[in-house]
Amino acid sequence: MSKPDQPPIPPIILSLIQTALGPKPRFMPVVGEGMAPTLRHGDFVAVIPVSGFRCDALYVLDLAGEAGVYRCSSNFKGGVDAYKDNPRLGRYTLTRAEFEDAAIGQVLATCNIQDRTLMRGGAA
């Protein structure tokens, strides 16, 4: 919604933004402390679907039957290393095919919740 003193965004510009962003992002909650301190339990990520590894970034992967956020990077041996920011957790080394099977999407944006008590329901 535009402010009264600002003109509305022209439809062509909105169309270009949507084209540039590609598929509509899906918002997913972060579960657990595996990505702490970058992401904490209860934060959110905006995820866009991908069919394979694009670049070093955060991805949502389904590993061991559970979807989670992982920091992924090319290991320059043709595979992908996937790991959590929490150093107490392990690292996965995946082939490109394994990565494609596990990939749900790439993280487009993160939303760090500063005060969970302000959210609906007052979740702590």
PDB file of N, CA and C in Angstrom:
ATOM      1  N   MET A   1       0.836  -1.169   0.000  1.00  0.00           N
ATOM      2  CA  MET A   1       0.000   0.000   0.000  1.00  0.00           C
ATOM      3  C   MET A   1       0.884   1.236   0.000  1.00  0.00           C
ATOM      4  N   SER A   2       0.663   2.136  -0.950  1.00  0.00           N
ATOM      5  CA  SER A   2       1.504   3.318  -1.043  1.00  0.00           C
ATOM      6  C   SER A   2       1.000   4.410  -0.121  1.00  0.00           C
ATOM      7  N   LYS A   3       1.905   5.293   0.271  1.00  0.00           N
ATOM      8  CA  LYS A   3       1.551   6.428   1.104  1.00  0.00           C
ATOM      9  C   LYS A   3       0.887   7.475   0.219  1.00  0.00           C
ATOM     10  N   PRO A   4       0.062   8.364   0.794  1.00  0.00           N
ATOM     11  CA  PRO A   4      -0.642   9.349  -0.013  1.00  0.00           C
ATOM     12  C   PRO A   4       0.287  10.241  -0.830  1.00  0.00           C
ATOM     13  N   ASP A   5       1.478  10.560  -0.311  1.00  0.00           N
ATOM     14  CA  ASP A   5       2.380  11.455  -1.021  1.00  0.00           C
ATOM     15  C   ASP A   5       3.286  10.719  -2.018  1.00  0.00           C
ATOM     16  N   GLN A   6       3.133   9.417  -2.144  1.00  0.00           N
ATOM     17  CA  GLN A   6       3.940   8.648  -3.079  1.00  0.00           C
ATOM     18  C   GLN A   6       3.040   8.017  -4.130  1.00  0.00           C
ATOM     19  N   PRO A   7       3.466   8.065  -5.394  1.00  0.00           N
ATOM     20  CA  PRO A   7       2.646   7.413  -6.421  1.00  0.00           C
ATOM     21  C   PRO A   7       2.704   5.902  -6.263  1.00  0.00           C
ATOM     22  N   PRO A   8       1.659   5.190  -6.685  1.00  0.00           N
ATOM     23  CA  PRO A   8       1.696   3.725  -6.601  1.00  0.00           C
ATOM     24  C   PRO A   8       2.772   3.169  -7.523  1.00  0.00           C
ATOM     25  N   ILE A   9       3.242   1.976  -7.185  1.00  0.00           N
ATOM     26  CA  ILE A   9       4.254   1.321  -8.027  1.00  0.00           C
ATOM     27  C   ILE A   9       3.578   0.878  -9.312  1.00  0.00           C
ATOM     28  N   PRO A  10       4.136   1.279 -10.457  1.00  0.00           N
ATOM     29  CA  PRO A  10       3.519   0.894 -11.729  1.00  0.00           C
ATOM     30  C   PRO A  10       3.496  -0.628 -11.895  1.00  0.00           C
ATOM     31  N   PRO A  11       2.438  -1.166 -12.500  1.00  0.00           N
ATOM     32  CA  PRO A  11       2.331  -2.623 -12.685  1.00  0.00           C
ATOM     33  C   PRO A  11       3.522  -3.226 -13.423  1.00  0.00           C
ATOM     34  N   ILE A  12       4.108  -2.504 -14.368  1.00  0.00           N
ATOM     35  CA  ILE A  12       5.259  -3.047 -15.110  1.00  0.00           C
ATOM     36  C   ILE A  12       6.443  -3.277 -14.174  1.00  0.00           C
ATOM     37  N   ILE A  13       6.629  -2.372 -13.194  1.00  0.00           N
ATOM     38  CA  ILE A  13       7.720  -2.518 -12.233  1.00  0.00           C
ATOM     39  C   ILE A  13       7.455  -3.724 -11.334  1.00  0.00           C
ATOM     40  N   LEU A  14       6.215  -3.866 -10.874  1.00  0.00           N
ATOM     41  CA  LEU A  14       5.866  -5.037 -10.055  1.00  0.00           C
ATOM     42  C   LEU A  14       6.110  -6.324 -10.822  1.00  0.00           C
ATOM     43  N   SER A  15       5.760  -6.326 -12.105  1.00  0.00           N
ATOM     44  CA  SER A  15       5.974  -7.505 -12.939  1.00  0.00           C
ATOM     45  C   SER A  15       7.458  -7.818 -13.074  1.00  0.00           C
ATOM     46  N   LEU A  16       8.283  -6.792 -13.252  1.00  0.00           N
ATOM     47  CA  LEU A  16       9.731  -7.003 -13.365  1.00  0.00           C
ATOM     48  C   LEU A  16      10.308  -7.562 -12.067  1.00  0.00           C
ATOM     49  N   ILE A  17       9.824  -7.049 -10.932  1.00  0.00           N
ATOM     50  CA  ILE A  17      10.300  -7.557  -9.637  1.00  0.00           C
ATOM     51  C   ILE A  17       9.927  -9.026  -9.483  1.00  0.00           C
ATOM     52  N   GLN A  18       8.692  -9.370  -9.817  1.00  0.00           N
ATOM     53  CA  GLN A  18       8.255 -10.756  -9.703  1.00  0.00           C
ATOM     54  C   GLN A  18       9.047 -11.657 -10.642  1.00  0.00           C
ATOM     55  N   THR A  19       9.350 -11.171 -11.850  1.00  0.00           N
ATOM     56  CA  THR A  19      10.142 -11.941 -12.805  1.00  0.00           C
ATOM     57  C   THR A  19      11.551 -12.150 -12.269  1.00  0.00           C
ATOM     58  N   ALA A  20      12.124 -11.104 -11.688  1.00  0.00           N
ATOM     59  CA  ALA A  20      13.490 -11.196 -11.160  1.00  0.00           C
ATOM     60  C   ALA A  20      13.559 -12.162  -9.985  1.00  0.00           C
ATOM     61  N   LEU A  21      12.531 -12.150  -9.135  1.00  0.00           N
ATOM     62  CA  LEU A  21      12.537 -13.037  -7.970  1.00  0.00           C
ATOM     63  C   LEU A  21      12.208 -14.471  -8.322  1.00  0.00           C
ATOM     64  N   GLY A  22      11.573 -14.677  -9.466  1.00  0.00           N
ATOM     65  CA  GLY A  22      11.214 -16.035  -9.854  1.00  0.00           C
ATOM     66  C   GLY A  22      10.042 -16.546  -9.052  1.00  0.00           C
ATOM     67  N   PRO A  23      10.084 -17.806  -8.650  1.00  0.00           N
ATOM     68  CA  PRO A  23       8.953 -18.407  -7.942  1.00  0.00           C
ATOM     69  C   PRO A  23       8.657 -17.673  -6.640  1.00  0.00           C
ATOM     70  N   LYS A  24       7.405 -17.746  -6.253  1.00  0.00           N
ATOM     71  CA  LYS A  24       6.979 -17.114  -5.007  1.00  0.00           C
ATOM     72  C   LYS A  24       7.685 -17.778  -3.828  1.00  0.00           C
ATOM     73  N   PRO A  25       8.324 -16.975  -2.957  1.00  0.00           N
ATOM     74  CA  PRO A  25       9.001 -17.576  -1.807  1.00  0.00           C
ATOM     75  C   PRO A  25       8.018 -18.215  -0.827  1.00  0.00           C
ATOM     76  N   ARG A  26       8.484 -19.250  -0.172  1.00  0.00           N
ATOM     77  CA  ARG A  26       7.717 -19.940   0.867  1.00  0.00           C
ATOM     78  C   ARG A  26       8.403 -19.631   2.195  1.00  0.00           C
ATOM     79  N   PHE A  27       7.641 -19.234   3.190  1.00  0.00           N
ATOM     80  CA  PHE A  27       8.222 -18.905   4.489  1.00  0.00           C
ATOM     81  C   PHE A  27       8.173 -20.125   5.391  1.00  0.00           C
ATOM     82  N   MET A  28       9.320 -20.417   6.011  1.00  0.00           N
ATOM     83  CA  MET A  28       9.435 -21.586   6.867  1.00  0.00           C
ATOM     84  C   MET A  28      10.072 -21.178   8.192  1.00  0.00           C
ATOM     85  N   PRO A  29       9.593 -21.747   9.298  1.00  0.00           N
ATOM     86  CA  PRO A  29      10.224 -21.449  10.587  1.00  0.00           C
ATOM     87  C   PRO A  29      11.528 -22.228  10.743  1.00  0.00           C
ATOM     88  N   VAL A  30      12.452 -21.638  11.471  1.00  0.00           N
ATOM     89  CA  VAL A  30      13.698 -22.322  11.826  1.00  0.00           C
ATOM     90  C   VAL A  30      13.419 -23.126  13.095  1.00  0.00           C
ATOM     91  N   VAL A  31      13.762 -24.396  13.068  1.00  0.00           N
ATOM     92  CA  VAL A  31      13.514 -25.275  14.208  1.00  0.00           C
ATOM     93  C   VAL A  31      14.855 -25.730  14.770  1.00  0.00           C
ATOM     94  N   GLY A  32      15.031 -25.562  16.064  1.00  0.00           N
ATOM     95  CA  GLY A  32      16.265 -25.995  16.720  1.00  0.00           C
ATOM     96  C   GLY A  32      17.332 -24.915  16.709  1.00  0.00           C
ATOM     97  N   GLU A  33      18.452 -25.241  17.313  1.00  0.00           N
ATOM     98  CA  GLU A  33      19.556 -24.282  17.447  1.00  0.00           C
ATOM     99  C   GLU A  33      20.744 -24.622  16.551  1.00  0.00           C
ATOM    100  N   GLY A  34      20.509 -25.412  15.513  1.00  0.00           N
ATOM    101  CA  GLY A  34      21.594 -25.838  14.640  1.00  0.00           C
ATOM    102  C   GLY A  34      22.264 -24.712  13.874  1.00  0.00           C
ATOM    103  N   MET A  35      21.528 -23.645  13.574  1.00  0.00           N
ATOM    104  CA  MET A  35      22.110 -22.541  12.812  1.00  0.00           C
ATOM    105  C   MET A  35      22.478 -21.355  13.700  1.00  0.00           C
ATOM    106  N   ALA A  36      22.405 -21.527  15.023  1.00  0.00           N
ATOM    107  CA  ALA A  36      22.794 -20.443  15.941  1.00  0.00           C
ATOM    108  C   ALA A  36      24.295 -20.196  15.801  1.00  0.00           C
ATOM    109  N   PRO A  37      24.744 -18.975  15.851  1.00  0.00           N
ATOM    110  CA  PRO A  37      24.005 -17.766  16.197  1.00  0.00           C
ATOM    111  C   PRO A  37      23.364 -17.051  14.995  1.00  0.00           C
ATOM    112  N   THR A  38      23.565 -17.538  13.790  1.00  0.00           N
ATOM    113  CA  THR A  38      23.009 -16.874  12.605  1.00  0.00           C
ATOM    114  C   THR A  38      21.487 -16.847  12.660  1.00  0.00           C
ATOM    115  N   LEU A  39      20.893 -18.003  12.887  1.00  0.00           N
ATOM    116  CA  LEU A  39      19.445 -18.137  12.989  1.00  0.00           C
ATOM    117  C   LEU A  39      19.126 -18.880  14.276  1.00  0.00           C
ATOM    118  N   ARG A  40      18.088 -18.425  14.957  1.00  0.00           N
ATOM    119  CA  ARG A  40      17.690 -19.068  16.203  1.00  0.00           C
ATOM    120  C   ARG A  40      16.343 -19.753  16.028  1.00  0.00           C
ATOM    121  N   HIS A  41      16.046 -20.668  16.914  1.00  0.00           N
ATOM    122  CA  HIS A  41      14.753 -21.348  16.921  1.00  0.00           C
ATOM    123  C   HIS A  41      13.646 -20.293  16.927  1.00  0.00           C
ATOM    124  N   GLY A  42      12.715 -20.386  15.984  1.00  0.00           N
ATOM    125  CA  GLY A  42      11.611 -19.436  15.908  1.00  0.00           C
ATOM    126  C   GLY A  42      11.798 -18.346  14.884  1.00  0.00           C
ATOM    127  N   ASP A  43      13.019 -18.180  14.352  1.00  0.00           N
ATOM    128  CA  ASP A  43      13.225 -17.240  13.250  1.00  0.00           C
ATOM    129  C   ASP A  43      12.574 -17.827  12.002  1.00  0.00           C
ATOM    130  N   PHE A  44      12.542 -17.052  10.932  1.00  0.00           N
ATOM    131  CA  PHE A  44      11.942 -17.520   9.683  1.00  0.00           C
ATOM    132  C   PHE A  44      12.906 -17.336   8.524  1.00  0.00           C
ATOM    133  N   VAL A  45      12.754 -18.190   7.518  1.00  0.00           N
ATOM    134  CA  VAL A  45      13.490 -18.035   6.268  1.00  0.00           C
ATOM    135  C   VAL A  45      12.493 -18.024   5.111  1.00  0.00           C
ATOM    136  N   ALA A  46      12.793 -17.213   4.104  1.00  0.00           N
ATOM    137  CA  ALA A  46      12.028 -17.212   2.859  1.00  0.00           C
ATOM    138  C   ALA A  46      12.798 -18.091   1.896  1.00  0.00           C
ATOM    139  N   VAL A  47      12.146 -19.096   1.357  1.00  0.00           N
ATOM    140  CA  VAL A  47      12.813 -20.125   0.547  1.00  0.00           C
ATOM    141  C   VAL A  47      12.212 -20.146  -0.853  1.00  0.00           C
ATOM    142  N   ILE A  48      13.093 -20.181  -1.861  1.00  0.00           N
ATOM    143  CA  ILE A  48      12.627 -20.357  -3.234  1.00  0.00           C
ATOM    144  C   ILE A  48      13.078 -21.731  -3.717  1.00  0.00           C
ATOM    145  N   PRO A  49      12.237 -22.416  -4.463  1.00  0.00           N
ATOM    146  CA  PRO A  49      12.605 -23.755  -4.935  1.00  0.00           C
ATOM    147  C   PRO A  49      13.806 -23.714  -5.878  1.00  0.00           C
ATOM    148  N   VAL A  50      14.648 -24.699  -5.778  1.00  0.00           N
ATOM    149  CA  VAL A  50      15.776 -24.860  -6.702  1.00  0.00           C
ATOM    150  C   VAL A  50      15.850 -26.319  -7.117  1.00  0.00           C
ATOM    151  N   SER A  51      16.400 -26.557  -8.289  1.00  0.00           N
ATOM    152  CA  SER A  51      16.516 -27.931  -8.770  1.00  0.00           C
ATOM    153  C   SER A  51      17.907 -28.502  -8.529  1.00  0.00           C
ATOM    154  N   GLY A  52      18.832 -27.660  -8.086  1.00  0.00           N
ATOM    155  CA  GLY A  52      20.175 -28.130  -7.833  1.00  0.00           C
ATOM    156  C   GLY A  52      20.999 -27.058  -7.160  1.00  0.00           C
ATOM    157  N   PHE A  53      22.276 -27.348  -6.969  1.00  0.00           N
ATOM    158  CA  PHE A  53      23.188 -26.408  -6.317  1.00  0.00           C
ATOM    159  C   PHE A  53      23.460 -25.247  -7.256  1.00  0.00           C
ATOM    160  N   ARG A  54      23.258 -24.012  -6.766  1.00  0.00           N
ATOM    161  CA  ARG A  54      23.464 -22.820  -7.581  1.00  0.00           C
ATOM    162  C   ARG A  54      24.747 -22.108  -7.204  1.00  0.00           C
ATOM    163  N   CYS A  55      24.962 -21.929  -5.897  1.00  0.00           N
ATOM    164  CA  CYS A  55      26.126 -21.196  -5.401  1.00  0.00           C
ATOM    165  C   CYS A  55      26.238 -21.459  -3.897  1.00  0.00           C
ATOM    166  N   ASP A  56      27.346 -21.060  -3.301  1.00  0.00           N
ATOM    167  CA  ASP A  56      27.504 -21.188  -1.861  1.00  0.00           C
ATOM    168  C   ASP A  56      26.454 -20.300  -1.192  1.00  0.00           C
ATOM    169  N   ALA A  57      25.614 -20.893  -0.360  1.00  0.00           N
ATOM    170  CA  ALA A  57      24.511 -20.150   0.262  1.00  0.00           C
ATOM    171  C   ALA A  57      23.837 -21.012   1.310  1.00  0.00           C
ATOM    172  N   LEU A  58      22.783 -20.469   1.916  1.00  0.00           N
ATOM    173  CA  LEU A  58      21.937 -21.240   2.818  1.00  0.00           C
ATOM    174  C   LEU A  58      20.865 -21.938   1.992  1.00  0.00           C
ATOM    175  N   TYR A  59      20.636 -23.206   2.295  1.00  0.00           N
ATOM    176  CA  TYR A  59      19.615 -23.997   1.616  1.00  0.00           C
ATOM    177  C   TYR A  59      18.784 -24.718   2.669  1.00  0.00           C
ATOM    178  N   VAL A  60      17.561 -25.066   2.311  1.00  0.00           N
ATOM    179  CA  VAL A  60      16.759 -25.959   3.136  1.00  0.00           C
ATOM    180  C   VAL A  60      16.863 -27.334   2.488  1.00  0.00           C
ATOM    181  N   LEU A  61      17.376 -28.284   3.263  1.00  0.00           N
ATOM    182  CA  LEU A  61      17.580 -29.645   2.774  1.00  0.00           C
ATOM    183  C   LEU A  61      16.781 -30.622   3.628  1.00  0.00           C
ATOM    184  N   ASP A  62      16.323 -31.678   3.005  1.00  0.00           N
ATOM    185  CA  ASP A  62      15.682 -32.766   3.725  1.00  0.00           C
ATOM    186  C   ASP A  62      16.718 -33.876   3.855  1.00  0.00           C
ATOM    187  N   LEU A  63      17.387 -33.887   4.999  1.00  0.00           N
ATOM    188  CA  LEU A  63      18.402 -34.904   5.285  1.00  0.00           C
ATOM    189  C   LEU A  63      17.927 -35.734   6.466  1.00  0.00           C
ATOM    190  N   ALA A  64      18.060 -37.013   6.359  1.00  0.00           N
ATOM    191  CA  ALA A  64      17.643 -37.941   7.421  1.00  0.00           C
ATOM    192  C   ALA A  64      16.163 -37.768   7.756  1.00  0.00           C
ATOM    193  N   GLY A  65      15.351 -37.449   6.735  1.00  0.00           N
ATOM    194  CA  GLY A  65      13.912 -37.348   6.931  1.00  0.00           C
ATOM    195  C   GLY A  65      13.430 -36.096   7.641  1.00  0.00           C
ATOM    196  N   GLU A  66      14.295 -35.104   7.788  1.00  0.00           N
ATOM    197  CA  GLU A  66      13.919 -33.879   8.485  1.00  0.00           C
ATOM    198  C   GLU A  66      14.458 -32.674   7.730  1.00  0.00           C
ATOM    199  N   ALA A  67      13.558 -31.720   7.424  1.00  0.00           N
ATOM    200  CA  ALA A  67      13.967 -30.512   6.710  1.00  0.00           C
ATOM    201  C   ALA A  67      14.639 -29.543   7.668  1.00  0.00           C
ATOM    202  N   GLY A  68      15.733 -28.936   7.213  1.00  0.00           N
ATOM    203  CA  GLY A  68      16.436 -27.959   8.039  1.00  0.00           C
ATOM    204  C   GLY A  68      17.279 -27.044   7.178  1.00  0.00           C
ATOM    205  N   VAL A  69      17.700 -25.934   7.772  1.00  0.00           N
ATOM    206  CA  VAL A  69      18.552 -24.970   7.081  1.00  0.00           C
ATOM    207  C   VAL A  69      20.004 -25.405   7.237  1.00  0.00           C
ATOM    208  N   TYR A  70      20.717 -25.411   6.116  1.00  0.00           N
ATOM    209  CA  TYR A  70      22.134 -25.780   6.098  1.00  0.00           C
ATOM    210  C   TYR A  70      22.918 -24.747   5.312  1.00  0.00           C
ATOM    211  N   ARG A  71      24.138 -24.489   5.735  1.00  0.00           N
ATOM    212  CA  ARG A  71      25.065 -23.686   4.960  1.00  0.00           C
ATOM    213  C   ARG A  71      25.748 -24.647   3.990  1.00  0.00           C
ATOM    214  N   CYS A  72      25.646 -24.371   2.705  1.00  0.00           N
ATOM    215  CA  CYS A  72      26.169 -25.292   1.696  1.00  0.00           C
ATOM    216  C   CYS A  72      27.227 -24.605   0.843  1.00  0.00           C
ATOM    217  N   SER A  73      28.264 -25.366   0.533  1.00  0.00           N
ATOM    218  CA  SER A  73      29.331 -24.835  -0.320  1.00  0.00           C
ATOM    219  C   SER A  73      29.895 -25.952  -1.181  1.00  0.00           C
ATOM    220  N   SER A  74      30.373 -25.550  -2.333  1.00  0.00           N
ATOM    221  CA  SER A  74      31.003 -26.494  -3.240  1.00  0.00           C
ATOM    222  C   SER A  74      32.301 -26.968  -2.613  1.00  0.00           C
ATOM    223  N   ASN A  75      32.565 -28.279  -2.689  1.00  0.00           N
ATOM    224  CA  ASN A  75      33.812 -28.776  -2.130  1.00  0.00           C
ATOM    225  C   ASN A  75      34.882 -28.934  -3.204  1.00  0.00           C
ATOM    226  N   PHE A  76      34.611 -28.454  -4.400  1.00  0.00           N
ATOM    227  CA  PHE A  76      35.546 -28.451  -5.522  1.00  0.00           C
ATOM    228  C   PHE A  76      36.008 -29.845  -5.921  1.00  0.00           C
ATOM    229  N   LYS A  77      35.296 -30.869  -5.465  1.00  0.00           N
ATOM    230  CA  LYS A  77      35.532 -32.245  -5.908  1.00  0.00           C
ATOM    231  C   LYS A  77      34.290 -32.722  -6.645  1.00  0.00           C
ATOM    232  N   GLY A  78      33.426 -31.753  -6.981  1.00  0.00           N
ATOM    233  CA  GLY A  78      32.192 -32.095  -7.660  1.00  0.00           C
ATOM    234  C   GLY A  78      31.018 -32.279  -6.730  1.00  0.00           C
ATOM    235  N   GLY A  79      31.250 -32.175  -5.419  1.00  0.00           N
ATOM    236  CA  GLY A  79      30.187 -32.371  -4.451  1.00  0.00           C
ATOM    237  C   GLY A  79      29.846 -31.101  -3.704  1.00  0.00           C
ATOM    238  N   VAL A  80      29.033 -31.259  -2.685  1.00  0.00           N
ATOM    239  CA  VAL A  80      28.573 -30.136  -1.866  1.00  0.00           C
ATOM    240  C   VAL A  80      28.734 -30.502  -0.397  1.00  0.00           C
ATOM    241  N   ASP A  81      29.329 -29.594   0.378  1.00  0.00           N
ATOM    242  CA  ASP A  81      29.399 -29.750   1.824  1.00  0.00           C
ATOM    243  C   ASP A  81      28.225 -29.010   2.428  1.00  0.00           C
ATOM    244  N   ALA A  82      27.481 -29.672   3.295  1.00  0.00           N
ATOM    245  CA  ALA A  82      26.326 -29.079   3.965  1.00  0.00           C
ATOM    246  C   ALA A  82      26.550 -29.188   5.462  1.00  0.00           C
ATOM    247  N   TYR A  83      26.427 -28.066   6.158  1.00  0.00           N
ATOM    248  CA  TYR A  83      26.680 -28.086   7.591  1.00  0.00           C
ATOM    249  C   TYR A  83      25.870 -27.005   8.286  1.00  0.00           C
ATOM    250  N   LYS A  84      25.749 -27.143   9.584  1.00  0.00           N
ATOM    251  CA  LYS A  84      25.065 -26.176  10.434  1.00  0.00           C
ATOM    252  C   LYS A  84      26.106 -25.197  10.981  1.00  0.00           C
ATOM    253  N   ASP A  85      25.684 -23.998  11.357  1.00  0.00           N
ATOM    254  CA  ASP A  85      26.608 -23.020  11.935  1.00  0.00           C
ATOM    255  C   ASP A  85      27.031 -23.404  13.344  1.00  0.00           C
ATOM    256  N   ASN A  86      26.202 -24.168  14.045  1.00  0.00           N
ATOM    257  CA  ASN A  86      26.530 -24.627  15.387  1.00  0.00           C
ATOM    258  C   ASN A  86      27.668 -25.647  15.273  1.00  0.00           C
ATOM    259  N   PRO A  87      28.851 -25.327  15.812  1.00  0.00           N
ATOM    260  CA  PRO A  87      30.012 -26.206  15.630  1.00  0.00           C
ATOM    261  C   PRO A  87      29.873 -27.582  16.274  1.00  0.00           C
ATOM    262  N   ARG A  88      28.899 -27.756  17.163  1.00  0.00           N
ATOM    263  CA  ARG A  88      28.713 -29.061  17.813  1.00  0.00           C
ATOM    264  C   ARG A  88      28.060 -30.074  16.881  1.00  0.00           C
ATOM    265  N   LEU A  89      27.553 -29.605  15.750  1.00  0.00           N
ATOM    266  CA  LEU A  89      26.843 -30.496  14.826  1.00  0.00           C
ATOM    267  C   LEU A  89      27.737 -30.879  13.658  1.00  0.00           C
ATOM    268  N   GLY A  90      27.433 -32.009  13.068  1.00  0.00           N
ATOM    269  CA  GLY A  90      28.275 -32.561  12.021  1.00  0.00           C
ATOM    270  C   GLY A  90      28.110 -31.903  10.663  1.00  0.00           C
ATOM    271  N   ARG A  91      28.809 -32.463   9.730  1.00  0.00           N
ATOM    272  CA  ARG A  91      28.854 -31.974   8.361  1.00  0.00           C
ATOM    273  C   ARG A  91      28.514 -33.134   7.437  1.00  0.00           C
ATOM    274  N   TYR A  92      27.782 -32.840   6.377  1.00  0.00           N
ATOM    275  CA  TYR A  92      27.466 -33.832   5.353  1.00  0.00           C
ATOM    276  C   TYR A  92      28.260 -33.498   4.099  1.00  0.00           C
ATOM    277  N   THR A  93      28.797 -34.505   3.460  1.00  0.00           N
ATOM    278  CA  THR A  93      29.395 -34.334   2.145  1.00  0.00           C
ATOM    279  C   THR A  93      28.497 -35.079   1.168  1.00  0.00           C
ATOM    280  N   LEU A  94      27.912 -34.333   0.236  1.00  0.00           N
ATOM    281  CA  LEU A  94      26.928 -34.881  -0.692  1.00  0.00           C
ATOM    282  C   LEU A  94      27.433 -34.818  -2.121  1.00  0.00           C
ATOM    283  N   THR A  95      27.053 -35.804  -2.911  1.00  0.00           N
ATOM    284  CA  THR A  95      27.268 -35.692  -4.348  1.00  0.00           C
ATOM    285  C   THR A  95      26.240 -34.693  -4.876  1.00  0.00           C
ATOM    286  N   ARG A  96      26.427 -34.224  -6.091  1.00  0.00           N
ATOM    287  CA  ARG A  96      25.438 -33.298  -6.666  1.00  0.00           C
ATOM    288  C   ARG A  96      24.070 -33.973  -6.767  1.00  0.00           C
ATOM    289  N   ALA A  97      24.045 -35.255  -7.100  1.00  0.00           N
ATOM    290  CA  ALA A  97      22.766 -35.980  -7.200  1.00  0.00           C
ATOM    291  C   ALA A  97      22.093 -36.078  -5.830  1.00  0.00           C
ATOM    292  N   GLU A  98      22.867 -36.366  -4.779  1.00  0.00           N
ATOM    293  CA  GLU A  98      22.302 -36.424  -3.429  1.00  0.00           C
ATOM    294  C   GLU A  98      21.773 -35.052  -3.007  1.00  0.00           C
ATOM    295  N   PHE A  99      22.518 -34.002  -3.375  1.00  0.00           N
ATOM    296  CA  PHE A  99      22.064 -32.650  -3.054  1.00  0.00           C
ATOM    297  C   PHE A  99      20.741 -32.353  -3.749  1.00  0.00           C
ATOM    298  N   GLU A 100      20.639 -32.695  -5.029  1.00  0.00           N
ATOM    299  CA  GLU A 100      19.398 -32.452  -5.779  1.00  0.00           C
ATOM    300  C   GLU A 100      18.223 -33.183  -5.159  1.00  0.00           C
ATOM    301  N   ASP A 101      18.452 -34.399  -4.682  1.00  0.00           N
ATOM    302  CA  ASP A 101      17.380 -35.164  -4.036  1.00  0.00           C
ATOM    303  C   ASP A 101      16.960 -34.538  -2.706  1.00  0.00           C
ATOM    304  N   ALA A 102      17.906 -33.931  -1.994  1.00  0.00           N
ATOM    305  CA  ALA A 102      17.628 -33.390  -0.668  1.00  0.00           C
ATOM    306  C   ALA A 102      17.157 -31.939  -0.687  1.00  0.00           C
ATOM    307  N   ALA A 103      17.465 -31.210  -1.755  1.00  0.00           N
ATOM    308  CA  ALA A 103      17.189 -29.769  -1.791  1.00  0.00           C
ATOM    309  C   ALA A 103      15.696 -29.460  -1.860  1.00  0.00           C
ATOM    310  N   ILE A 104      15.245 -28.666  -0.925  1.00  0.00           N
ATOM    311  CA  ILE A 104      13.879 -28.136  -0.939  1.00  0.00           C
ATOM    312  C   ILE A 104      13.906 -26.748  -1.548  1.00  0.00           C
ATOM    313  N   GLY A 105      14.933 -25.967  -1.211  1.00  0.00           N
ATOM    314  CA  GLY A 105      15.047 -24.631  -1.772  1.00  0.00           C
ATOM    315  C   GLY A 105      16.252 -23.894  -1.231  1.00  0.00           C
ATOM    316  N   GLN A 106      16.492 -22.735  -1.830  1.00  0.00           N
ATOM    317  CA  GLN A 106      17.571 -21.857  -1.397  1.00  0.00           C
ATOM    318  C   GLN A 106      16.965 -20.724  -0.583  1.00  0.00           C
ATOM    319  N   VAL A 107      17.655 -20.332   0.478  1.00  0.00           N
ATOM    320  CA  VAL A 107      17.160 -19.256   1.330  1.00  0.00           C
ATOM    321  C   VAL A 107      17.363 -17.926   0.611  1.00  0.00           C
ATOM    322  N   LEU A 108      16.256 -17.226   0.401  1.00  0.00           N
ATOM    323  CA  LEU A 108      16.267 -15.915  -0.246  1.00  0.00           C
ATOM    324  C   LEU A 108      16.470 -14.812   0.784  1.00  0.00           C
ATOM    325  N   ALA A 109      15.846 -14.971   1.951  1.00  0.00           N
ATOM    326  CA  ALA A 109      15.931 -13.952   3.000  1.00  0.00           C
ATOM    327  C   ALA A 109      15.711 -14.610   4.356  1.00  0.00           C
ATOM    328  N   THR A 110      16.221 -13.943   5.385  1.00  0.00           N
ATOM    329  CA  THR A 110      16.020 -14.420   6.751  1.00  0.00           C
ATOM    330  C   THR A 110      15.284 -13.358   7.556  1.00  0.00           C
ATOM    331  N   CYS A 111      14.559 -13.800   8.548  1.00  0.00           N
ATOM    332  CA  CYS A 111      13.846 -12.898   9.449  1.00  0.00           C
ATOM    333  C   CYS A 111      14.186 -13.322  10.867  1.00  0.00           C
ATOM    334  N   ASN A 112      15.016 -12.519  11.520  1.00  0.00           N
ATOM    335  CA  ASN A 112      15.410 -12.806  12.890  1.00  0.00           C
ATOM    336  C   ASN A 112      14.419 -12.134  13.840  1.00  0.00           C
ATOM    337  N   ILE A 113      13.725 -12.928  14.622  1.00  0.00           N
ATOM    338  CA  ILE A 113      12.756 -12.421  15.584  1.00  0.00           C
ATOM    339  C   ILE A 113      13.513 -11.925  16.809  1.00  0.00           C
ATOM    340  N   GLN A 114      13.330 -10.677  17.150  1.00  0.00           N
ATOM    341  CA  GLN A 114      14.063 -10.080  18.270  1.00  0.00           C
ATOM    342  C   GLN A 114      13.384 -10.323  19.611  1.00  0.00           C
ATOM    343  N   ASP A 115      12.052 -10.279  19.641  1.00  0.00           N
ATOM    344  CA  ASP A 115      11.327 -10.460  20.898  1.00  0.00           C
ATOM    345  C   ASP A 115      10.108 -11.338  20.629  1.00  0.00           C
ATOM    346  N   ARG A 116      10.220 -12.615  20.929  1.00  0.00           N
ATOM    347  CA  ARG A 116       9.141 -13.572  20.648  1.00  0.00           C
ATOM    348  C   ARG A 116       7.879 -13.307  21.471  1.00  0.00           C
ATOM    349  N   THR A 117       8.015 -12.592  22.582  1.00  0.00           N
ATOM    350  CA  THR A 117       6.841 -12.302  23.407  1.00  0.00           C
ATOM    351  C   THR A 117       5.895 -11.337  22.715  1.00  0.00           C
ATOM    352  N   LEU A 118       6.349 -10.627  21.693  1.00  0.00           N
ATOM    353  CA  LEU A 118       5.505  -9.692  20.963  1.00  0.00           C
ATOM    354  C   LEU A 118       4.678 -10.376  19.865  1.00  0.00           C
ATOM    355  N   MET A 119       5.022 -11.616  19.581  1.00  0.00           N
ATOM    356  CA  MET A 119       4.300 -12.347  18.535  1.00  0.00           C
ATOM    357  C   MET A 119       2.957 -12.828  19.056  1.00  0.00           C
ATOM    358  N   ARG A 120       2.043 -13.068  18.123  1.00  0.00           N
ATOM    359  CA  ARG A 120       0.727 -13.580  18.485  1.00  0.00           C
ATOM    360  C   ARG A 120       0.894 -14.838  19.321  1.00  0.00           C
ATOM    361  N   GLY A 121       0.237 -14.901  20.427  1.00  0.00           N
ATOM    362  CA  GLY A 121       0.353 -16.060  21.309  1.00  0.00           C
ATOM    363  C   GLY A 121       1.438 -15.912  22.345  1.00  0.00           C
ATOM    364  N   GLY A 122       2.317 -14.917  22.181  1.00  0.00           N
ATOM    365  CA  GLY A 122       3.361 -14.660  23.172  1.00  0.00           C
ATOM    366  C   GLY A 122       4.346 -15.799  23.342  1.00  0.00           C
ATOM    367  N   ALA A 123       4.655 -16.528  22.244  1.00  0.00           N
ATOM    368  CA  ALA A 123       5.580 -17.651  22.342  1.00  0.00           C
ATOM    369  C   ALA A 123       6.950 -17.163  22.797  1.00  0.00           C
ATOM    370  N   ALA A 124       7.539 -17.877  23.712  1.00  0.00           N
ATOM    371  CA  ALA A 124       8.858 -17.504  24.221  1.00  0.00           C
ATOM    372  C   ALA A 124       9.949 -18.248  23.503  1.00  0.00           C
TER     373      ALA A 124
END
